[in-house]
Structure formats: structure tokens, C-alpha cells
Amino acid sequence: MKDVANYRARSEAAIARAGGATSETEKAHHQADAASWEALAKMAERHALMMAAFRL
């Protein structure tokens, strides 16, 4: 679950960078970056749950 927290922190940082963007292109880039990190967090979370279920 450490990976999930790391990915979510990176997503939040990218969202913060998008808030301070000076152009629409830069803002879109940071928003896409945040979406990618959030997708990785969700994938890691599902993987952790799957592995926990497998151990039962």
C-alpha cells in the first residue's frame, strides 16, 4: 500500500502544479500527469487487494 500512497501524493502534486500553470498547455500537461498517477494508484490498490484475497 506504500505504492498507492506514493502515487496519490504524486497525483496531488501534479494537481497543485496545474493550479499554478501559466498556460493552458502547461495546465493540461499537469492534469494529464495527475490522471496518470491516479490510474497507477488505482491499479496498485486493486493489485494489493487481489494479492490479499489470494493469500486467504
PDB file of N, CA and C in Angstrom:
ATOM      1  N   MET A   1       0.823  -1.190   0.000  1.00  0.00           N
ATOM      2  CA  MET A   1       0.000   0.000   0.000  1.00  0.00           C
ATOM      3  C   MET A   1       0.871   1.260   0.000  1.00  0.00           C
ATOM      4  N   LYS A   2       2.148   1.071   0.246  1.00  0.00           N
ATOM      5  CA  LYS A   2       3.063   2.208   0.204  1.00  0.00           C
ATOM      6  C   LYS A   2       3.082   2.826  -1.191  1.00  0.00           C
ATOM      7  N   ASP A   3       3.013   1.973  -2.211  1.00  0.00           N
ATOM      8  CA  ASP A   3       2.997   2.467  -3.587  1.00  0.00           C
ATOM      9  C   ASP A   3       1.770   3.329  -3.846  1.00  0.00           C
ATOM     10  N   VAL A   4       0.620   2.908  -3.327  1.00  0.00           N
ATOM     11  CA  VAL A   4      -0.623   3.653  -3.532  1.00  0.00           C
ATOM     12  C   VAL A   4      -0.478   5.060  -2.951  1.00  0.00           C
ATOM     13  N   ALA A   5       0.041   5.158  -1.744  1.00  0.00           N
ATOM     14  CA  ALA A   5       0.222   6.470  -1.109  1.00  0.00           C
ATOM     15  C   ALA A   5       1.194   7.326  -1.908  1.00  0.00           C
ATOM     16  N   ASN A   6       2.254   6.720  -2.407  1.00  0.00           N
ATOM     17  CA  ASN A   6       3.244   7.438  -3.210  1.00  0.00           C
ATOM     18  C   ASN A   6       2.612   7.967  -4.499  1.00  0.00           C
ATOM     19  N   TYR A   7       1.852   7.129  -5.188  1.00  0.00           N
ATOM     20  CA  TYR A   7       1.210   7.537  -6.440  1.00  0.00           C
ATOM     21  C   TYR A   7       0.185   8.639  -6.192  1.00  0.00           C
ATOM     22  N   ARG A   8      -0.574   8.520  -5.101  1.00  0.00           N
ATOM     23  CA  ARG A   8      -1.573   9.549  -4.793  1.00  0.00           C
ATOM     24  C   ARG A   8      -0.888  10.871  -4.457  1.00  0.00           C
ATOM     25  N   ALA A   9       0.235  10.828  -3.755  1.00  0.00           N
ATOM     26  CA  ALA A   9       0.972  12.052  -3.436  1.00  0.00           C
ATOM     27  C   ALA A   9       1.481  12.715  -4.710  1.00  0.00           C
ATOM     28  N   ARG A  10       1.960  11.914  -5.645  1.00  0.00           N
ATOM     29  CA  ARG A  10       2.429  12.460  -6.918  1.00  0.00           C
ATOM     30  C   ARG A  10       1.280  13.073  -7.712  1.00  0.00           C
ATOM     31  N   SER A  11       0.108  12.436  -7.633  1.00  0.00           N
ATOM     32  CA  SER A  11      -1.073  12.958  -8.311  1.00  0.00           C
ATOM     33  C   SER A  11      -1.468  14.317  -7.727  1.00  0.00           C
ATOM     34  N   GLU A  12      -1.476  14.400  -6.407  1.00  0.00           N
ATOM     35  CA  GLU A  12      -1.824  15.657  -5.750  1.00  0.00           C
ATOM     36  C   GLU A  12      -0.817  16.756  -6.074  1.00  0.00           C
ATOM     37  N   ALA A  13       0.452  16.404  -6.165  1.00  0.00           N
ATOM     38  CA  ALA A  13       1.480  17.387  -6.521  1.00  0.00           C
ATOM     39  C   ALA A  13       1.265  17.896  -7.946  1.00  0.00           C
ATOM     40  N   ALA A  14       0.900  17.007  -8.842  1.00  0.00           N
ATOM     41  CA  ALA A  14       0.647  17.415 -10.228  1.00  0.00           C
ATOM     42  C   ALA A  14      -0.574  18.328 -10.309  1.00  0.00           C
ATOM     43  N   ILE A  15      -1.592  18.047  -9.501  1.00  0.00           N
ATOM     44  CA  ILE A  15      -2.777  18.910  -9.456  1.00  0.00           C
ATOM     45  C   ILE A  15      -2.386  20.300  -8.950  1.00  0.00           C
ATOM     46  N   ALA A  16      -1.527  20.345  -7.947  1.00  0.00           N
ATOM     47  CA  ALA A  16      -1.066  21.638  -7.426  1.00  0.00           C
ATOM     48  C   ALA A  16      -0.284  22.398  -8.492  1.00  0.00           C
ATOM     49  N   ARG A  17       0.548  21.690  -9.243  1.00  0.00           N
ATOM     50  CA  ARG A  17       1.304  22.349 -10.324  1.00  0.00           C
ATOM     51  C   ARG A  17       0.356  22.872 -11.397  1.00  0.00           C
ATOM     52  N   ALA A  18      -0.724  22.145 -11.659  1.00  0.00           N
ATOM     53  CA  ALA A  18      -1.696  22.594 -12.659  1.00  0.00           C
ATOM     54  C   ALA A  18      -2.353  23.897 -12.209  1.00  0.00           C
ATOM     55  N   GLY A  19      -2.557  24.050 -10.912  1.00  0.00           N
ATOM     56  CA  GLY A  19      -3.154  25.272 -10.385  1.00  0.00           C
ATOM     57  C   GLY A  19      -2.275  26.490 -10.594  1.00  0.00           C
ATOM     58  N   GLY A  20      -0.957  26.285 -10.633  1.00  0.00           N
ATOM     59  CA  GLY A  20      -0.030  27.399 -10.823  1.00  0.00           C
ATOM     60  C   GLY A  20       0.479  27.526 -12.247  1.00  0.00           C
ATOM     61  N   ALA A  21      -0.134  26.809 -13.163  1.00  0.00           N
ATOM     62  CA  ALA A  21       0.322  26.818 -14.557  1.00  0.00           C
ATOM     63  C   ALA A  21       0.106  28.200 -15.182  1.00  0.00           C
ATOM     64  N   THR A  22       1.023  28.559 -16.060  1.00  0.00           N
ATOM     65  CA  THR A  22       0.950  29.872 -16.707  1.00  0.00           C
ATOM     66  C   THR A  22       0.286  29.822 -18.079  1.00  0.00           C
ATOM     67  N   SER A  23       0.063  28.613 -18.591  1.00  0.00           N
ATOM     68  CA  SER A  23      -0.601  28.488 -19.894  1.00  0.00           C
ATOM     69  C   SER A  23      -1.557  27.302 -19.857  1.00  0.00           C
ATOM     70  N   GLU A  24      -2.479  27.296 -20.780  1.00  0.00           N
ATOM     71  CA  GLU A  24      -3.437  26.187 -20.860  1.00  0.00           C
ATOM     72  C   GLU A  24      -2.736  24.880 -21.221  1.00  0.00           C
ATOM     73  N   THR A  25      -1.711  24.967 -22.044  1.00  0.00           N
ATOM     74  CA  THR A  25      -0.959  23.768 -22.428  1.00  0.00           C
ATOM     75  C   THR A  25      -0.268  23.164 -21.216  1.00  0.00           C
ATOM     76  N   GLU A  26       0.371  24.000 -20.432  1.00  0.00           N
ATOM     77  CA  GLU A  26       1.055  23.531 -19.226  1.00  0.00           C
ATOM     78  C   GLU A  26       0.045  22.947 -18.237  1.00  0.00           C
ATOM     79  N   LYS A  27      -1.096  23.607 -18.096  1.00  0.00           N
ATOM     80  CA  LYS A  27      -2.140  23.125 -17.193  1.00  0.00           C
ATOM     81  C   LYS A  27      -2.636  21.756 -17.638  1.00  0.00           C
ATOM     82  N   ALA A  28      -2.887  21.604 -18.933  1.00  0.00           N
ATOM     83  CA  ALA A  28      -3.352  20.317 -19.462  1.00  0.00           C
ATOM     84  C   ALA A  28      -2.316  19.220 -19.242  1.00  0.00           C
ATOM     85  N   HIS A  29      -1.042  19.571 -19.403  1.00  0.00           N
ATOM     86  CA  HIS A  29       0.032  18.593 -19.191  1.00  0.00           C
ATOM     87  C   HIS A  29       0.025  18.106 -17.743  1.00  0.00           C
ATOM     88  N   HIS A  30      -0.088  19.017 -16.791  1.00  0.00           N
ATOM     89  CA  HIS A  30      -0.087  18.631 -15.381  1.00  0.00           C
ATOM     90  C   HIS A  30      -1.350  17.851 -15.012  1.00  0.00           C
ATOM     91  N   GLN A  31      -2.475  18.200 -15.615  1.00  0.00           N
ATOM     92  CA  GLN A  31      -3.707  17.457 -15.352  1.00  0.00           C
ATOM     93  C   GLN A  31      -3.599  16.025 -15.885  1.00  0.00           C
ATOM     94  N   ALA A  32      -2.997  15.866 -17.051  1.00  0.00           N
ATOM     95  CA  ALA A  32      -2.793  14.524 -17.612  1.00  0.00           C
ATOM     96  C   ALA A  32      -1.834  13.727 -16.742  1.00  0.00           C
ATOM     97  N   ASP A  33      -0.803  14.391 -16.240  1.00  0.00           N
ATOM     98  CA  ASP A  33       0.162  13.753 -15.349  1.00  0.00           C
ATOM     99  C   ASP A  33      -0.552  13.261 -14.086  1.00  0.00           C
ATOM    100  N   ALA A  34      -1.415  14.111 -13.529  1.00  0.00           N
ATOM    101  CA  ALA A  34      -2.166  13.731 -12.331  1.00  0.00           C
ATOM    102  C   ALA A  34      -3.071  12.534 -12.608  1.00  0.00           C
ATOM    103  N   ALA A  35      -3.716  12.530 -13.752  1.00  0.00           N
ATOM    104  CA  ALA A  35      -4.596  11.421 -14.109  1.00  0.00           C
ATOM    105  C   ALA A  35      -3.801  10.113 -14.239  1.00  0.00           C
ATOM    106  N   SER A  36      -2.607  10.201 -14.791  1.00  0.00           N
ATOM    107  CA  SER A  36      -1.766   9.006 -14.935  1.00  0.00           C
ATOM    108  C   SER A  36      -1.366   8.449 -13.576  1.00  0.00           C
ATOM    109  N   TRP A  37      -0.960   9.335 -12.659  1.00  0.00           N
ATOM    110  CA  TRP A  37      -0.573   8.874 -11.320  1.00  0.00           C
ATOM    111  C   TRP A  37      -1.764   8.283 -10.583  1.00  0.00           C
ATOM    112  N   GLU A  38      -2.934   8.884 -10.754  1.00  0.00           N
ATOM    113  CA  GLU A  38      -4.128   8.364 -10.088  1.00  0.00           C
ATOM    114  C   GLU A  38      -4.495   6.990 -10.648  1.00  0.00           C
ATOM    115  N   ALA A  39      -4.336   6.809 -11.942  1.00  0.00           N
ATOM    116  CA  ALA A  39      -4.601   5.497 -12.545  1.00  0.00           C
ATOM    117  C   ALA A  39      -3.636   4.445 -11.993  1.00  0.00           C
ATOM    118  N   LEU A  40      -2.378   4.819 -11.838  1.00  0.00           N
ATOM    119  CA  LEU A  40      -1.404   3.892 -11.247  1.00  0.00           C
ATOM    120  C   LEU A  40      -1.774   3.560  -9.810  1.00  0.00           C
ATOM    121  N   ALA A  41      -2.237   4.548  -9.059  1.00  0.00           N
ATOM    122  CA  ALA A  41      -2.645   4.312  -7.670  1.00  0.00           C
ATOM    123  C   ALA A  41      -3.799   3.320  -7.613  1.00  0.00           C
ATOM    124  N   LYS A  42      -4.784   3.498  -8.478  1.00  0.00           N
ATOM    125  CA  LYS A  42      -5.927   2.583  -8.501  1.00  0.00           C
ATOM    126  C   LYS A  42      -5.495   1.173  -8.890  1.00  0.00           C
ATOM    127  N   MET A  43      -4.589   1.076  -9.848  1.00  0.00           N
ATOM    128  CA  MET A  43      -4.103  -0.227 -10.277  1.00  0.00           C
ATOM    129  C   MET A  43      -3.347  -0.909  -9.130  1.00  0.00           C
ATOM    130  N   ALA A  44      -2.498  -0.170  -8.444  1.00  0.00           N
ATOM    131  CA  ALA A  44      -1.733  -0.733  -7.331  1.00  0.00           C
ATOM    132  C   ALA A  44      -2.660  -1.149  -6.192  1.00  0.00           C
ATOM    133  N   GLU A  45      -3.702  -0.366  -5.974  1.00  0.00           N
ATOM    134  CA  GLU A  45      -4.672  -0.694  -4.934  1.00  0.00           C
ATOM    135  C   GLU A  45      -5.408  -1.996  -5.265  1.00  0.00           C
ATOM    136  N   ARG A  46      -5.858  -2.120  -6.503  1.00  0.00           N
ATOM    137  CA  ARG A  46      -6.539  -3.359  -6.930  1.00  0.00           C
ATOM    138  C   ARG A  46      -5.592  -4.558  -6.833  1.00  0.00           C
ATOM    139  N   HIS A  47      -4.350  -4.353  -7.207  1.00  0.00           N
ATOM    140  CA  HIS A  47      -3.369  -5.438  -7.139  1.00  0.00           C
ATOM    141  C   HIS A  47      -3.163  -5.876  -5.696  1.00  0.00           C
ATOM    142  N   ALA A  48      -3.047  -4.914  -4.790  1.00  0.00           N
ATOM    143  CA  ALA A  48      -2.860  -5.252  -3.372  1.00  0.00           C
ATOM    144  C   ALA A  48      -4.058  -6.022  -2.828  1.00  0.00           C
ATOM    145  N   LEU A  49      -5.270  -5.611  -3.209  1.00  0.00           N
ATOM    146  CA  LEU A  49      -6.468  -6.316  -2.769  1.00  0.00           C
ATOM    147  C   LEU A  49      -6.530  -7.727  -3.336  1.00  0.00           C
ATOM    148  N   MET A  50      -6.154  -7.867  -4.596  1.00  0.00           N
ATOM    149  CA  MET A  50      -6.152  -9.174  -5.238  1.00  0.00           C
ATOM    150  C   MET A  50      -5.156 -10.108  -4.548  1.00  0.00           C
ATOM    151  N   MET A  51      -3.981  -9.578  -4.246  1.00  0.00           N
ATOM    152  CA  MET A  51      -2.974 -10.409  -3.578  1.00  0.00           C
ATOM    153  C   MET A  51      -3.407 -10.787  -2.167  1.00  0.00           C
ATOM    154  N   ALA A  52      -4.080  -9.876  -1.474  1.00  0.00           N
ATOM    155  CA  ALA A  52      -4.583 -10.183  -0.132  1.00  0.00           C
ATOM    156  C   ALA A  52      -5.651 -11.282  -0.207  1.00  0.00           C
ATOM    157  N   ALA A  53      -6.524 -11.208  -1.186  1.00  0.00           N
ATOM    158  CA  ALA A  53      -7.550 -12.228  -1.361  1.00  0.00           C
ATOM    159  C   ALA A  53      -6.936 -13.573  -1.724  1.00  0.00           C
ATOM    160  N   PHE A  54      -5.876 -13.535  -2.508  1.00  0.00           N
ATOM    161  CA  PHE A  54      -5.210 -14.763  -2.926  1.00  0.00           C
ATOM    162  C   PHE A  54      -4.591 -15.483  -1.736  1.00  0.00           C
ATOM    163  N   ARG A  55      -4.131 -14.724  -0.761  1.00  0.00           N
ATOM    164  CA  ARG A  55      -3.489 -15.313   0.423  1.00  0.00           C
ATOM    165  C   ARG A  55      -4.494 -15.978   1.357  1.00  0.00           C
ATOM    166  N   LEU A  56      -5.788 -15.640   1.222  1.00  0.00           N
ATOM    167  CA  LEU A  56      -6.800 -16.239   2.104  1.00  0.00           C
ATOM    168  C   LEU A  56      -7.011 -17.643   1.793  1.00  0.00           C
TER     169      LEU A  56
END
